[in-house]
Amino acid sequence: MASPTDLPTELHLIHPQRSLGHVHLDWVPQPGCRVDHEGETYTVLERRHRYQFRGGRYQLHKVALYVQVCQRDAGDRHLVEGQWVIGNASCRWNALSPLLRCAVNPNGPCDTCREYQPRDCYDHEAMM
């Protein structure tokens, strides 16, 4: 069986829905990671494995990545408990997610958001 880095990877854009083609990556991206393809940066939302039945058993055949165009907010990402978080993690409304900033101001930026509310002490200690 081929290792995951030897497998062809399909890239699918979520919105507008279309295929971006096939690539060979030298790493296995997880949701929240960023992938560069043809001069554009994408955020991985979902990874699916495609299997083929060969020789009486299923074998991993290829990987499909479902991505969205990445907003250039590298300065707005922070590492919290080993996970990348978009925006101000001290805000009560922050989703503490590498994929979604918050429901109040999903496109940011956080520094000019009028809805900012600090997390209470319990939540703040849990995220540190």
Protein backbone atom coordinates (compact mmCIF):
# COMPACT_ATOMS: atom_id res chain seq x y z
CA MET A 1 0.00 0.00 0.00
CA ALA A 2 1.25 3.48 -0.82
CA SER A 3 2.02 5.88 1.96
CA PRO A 4 -0.32 8.88 2.31
CA THR A 5 2.33 11.16 0.79
CA ASP A 6 2.48 9.00 -2.37
CA LEU A 7 -1.25 9.27 -2.98
CA PRO A 8 -2.84 11.66 -5.44
CA THR A 9 -4.84 14.37 -3.69
CA GLU A 10 -7.95 15.97 -5.17
CA LEU A 11 -8.63 19.59 -4.27
CA HIS A 12 -12.28 20.70 -4.20
CA LEU A 13 -13.32 24.30 -3.63
CA ILE A 14 -16.42 24.57 -1.42
CA HIS A 15 -17.75 27.91 -2.71
CA PRO A 16 -18.16 28.26 -5.62
CA GLN A 17 -18.24 24.49 -5.84
CA ARG A 18 -15.65 23.23 -8.32
CA SER A 19 -12.63 20.98 -8.65
CA LEU A 20 -9.21 22.59 -8.46
CA GLY A 21 -7.44 19.52 -9.83
CA HIS A 22 -5.06 16.86 -8.54
CA VAL A 23 -1.80 17.37 -6.66
CA HIS A 24 0.79 15.26 -4.87
CA LEU A 25 1.55 16.63 -1.41
CA ASP A 26 4.57 15.62 0.69
CA TRP A 27 2.48 15.88 3.88
CA VAL A 28 -1.02 14.96 5.07
CA PRO A 29 -3.01 18.15 5.74
CA GLN A 30 -5.53 18.23 8.56
CA PRO A 31 -8.61 20.50 8.68
CA GLY A 32 -7.50 24.01 9.56
CA CYS A 33 -4.18 23.70 7.72
CA ARG A 34 -3.34 25.86 4.74
CA VAL A 35 -2.47 24.55 1.29
CA ASP A 36 -0.91 26.55 -1.56
CA HIS A 37 -2.03 25.67 -5.09
CA GLU A 38 -1.35 27.62 -8.29
CA GLY A 39 -0.54 30.85 -6.47
CA GLU A 40 -3.59 30.81 -4.18
CA THR A 41 -3.76 29.81 -0.51
CA TYR A 42 -6.64 27.64 0.72
CA THR A 43 -7.79 26.51 4.17
CA VAL A 44 -8.59 22.79 4.49
CA LEU A 45 -12.11 22.31 5.84
CA GLU A 46 -12.47 18.56 5.41
CA ARG A 47 -10.39 15.57 4.36
CA ARG A 48 -11.94 12.43 2.88
CA HIS A 49 -10.30 9.17 1.94
CA ARG A 50 -11.20 7.30 -1.26
CA TYR A 51 -10.80 3.54 -1.21
CA GLN A 52 -10.63 0.93 -3.98
CA PHE A 53 -11.38 -2.77 -3.67
CA ARG A 54 -8.31 -4.70 -4.87
CA GLY A 55 -7.13 -8.20 -4.20
CA GLY A 56 -10.05 -8.98 -1.89
CA ARG A 57 -9.60 -5.94 0.35
CA TYR A 58 -10.05 -2.19 0.37
CA GLN A 59 -6.96 -0.06 -0.16
CA LEU A 60 -6.56 3.68 0.20
CA HIS A 61 -6.61 5.01 -3.36
CA LYS A 62 -6.58 8.83 -3.02
CA VAL A 63 -7.36 11.68 -0.66
CA ALA A 64 -9.91 14.45 -1.30
CA LEU A 65 -9.47 17.84 0.37
CA TYR A 66 -12.40 20.24 0.59
CA VAL A 67 -11.06 23.77 0.86
CA GLN A 68 -12.06 27.43 0.93
CA VAL A 69 -10.08 30.44 -0.23
CA CYS A 70 -7.94 31.62 2.64
CA GLN A 71 -8.11 35.20 3.77
CA ARG A 72 -4.64 36.62 4.30
CA ASP A 73 -4.91 36.91 8.08
CA ALA A 74 -1.69 35.20 9.15
CA GLY A 75 -1.13 37.97 11.71
CA ASP A 76 -4.58 37.28 13.13
CA ARG A 77 -3.85 33.63 13.96
CA HIS A 78 -2.65 32.57 17.40
CA LEU A 79 -1.58 29.26 18.90
CA VAL A 80 -3.82 28.37 21.87
CA GLU A 81 -3.35 25.00 23.60
CA GLY A 82 -1.58 23.62 20.52
CA GLN A 83 -4.35 24.67 18.11
CA TRP A 84 -4.40 27.61 15.72
CA VAL A 85 -7.16 30.10 16.50
CA ILE A 86 -8.35 32.94 14.28
CA GLY A 87 -8.83 36.32 15.96
CA ASN A 88 -8.72 37.44 19.57
CA ALA A 89 -8.94 34.34 21.76
CA SER A 90 -9.69 36.46 24.84
CA CYS A 91 -13.08 37.51 23.39
CA ARG A 92 -16.17 35.73 24.67
CA TRP A 93 -17.53 35.34 21.10
CA ASN A 94 -14.38 33.82 19.58
CA ALA A 95 -14.99 30.28 18.33
CA LEU A 96 -11.45 29.16 19.32
CA SER A 97 -11.25 27.51 15.91
CA PRO A 98 -8.77 27.54 13.03
CA LEU A 99 -11.72 27.69 10.61
CA LEU A 100 -14.16 30.21 12.10
CA ARG A 101 -13.43 33.46 13.93
CA CYS A 102 -16.84 34.04 15.56
CA ALA A 103 -20.55 34.37 14.80
CA VAL A 104 -20.67 38.10 15.57
CA ASN A 105 -17.87 39.26 13.24
CA PRO A 106 -16.73 36.25 11.15
CA ASN A 107 -14.71 38.31 8.65
CA GLY A 108 -13.00 40.43 11.29
CA PRO A 109 -10.95 42.26 12.14
CA CYS A 110 -11.21 41.77 15.88
CA ASP A 111 -9.42 44.95 16.92
CA THR A 112 -12.25 47.20 15.66
CA CYS A 113 -15.18 44.96 16.65
CA ARG A 114 -17.78 46.76 18.79
CA GLU A 115 -19.12 43.45 20.16
CA TYR A 116 -15.92 42.50 22.05
CA GLN A 117 -16.56 41.03 25.50
CA PRO A 118 -13.80 39.45 27.59
CA ARG A 119 -14.19 35.79 28.50
CA ASP A 120 -14.99 35.16 32.14
CA CYS A 121 -12.16 33.85 34.34
CA TYR A 122 -13.22 30.20 34.06
CA ASP A 123 -13.14 30.20 30.26
CA HIS A 124 -9.93 32.23 30.13
CA GLU A 125 -8.09 29.76 32.43
CA ALA A 126 -9.42 26.80 30.41
CA MET A 127 -7.96 28.15 27.17
CA MET A 128 -4.48 28.88 28.57
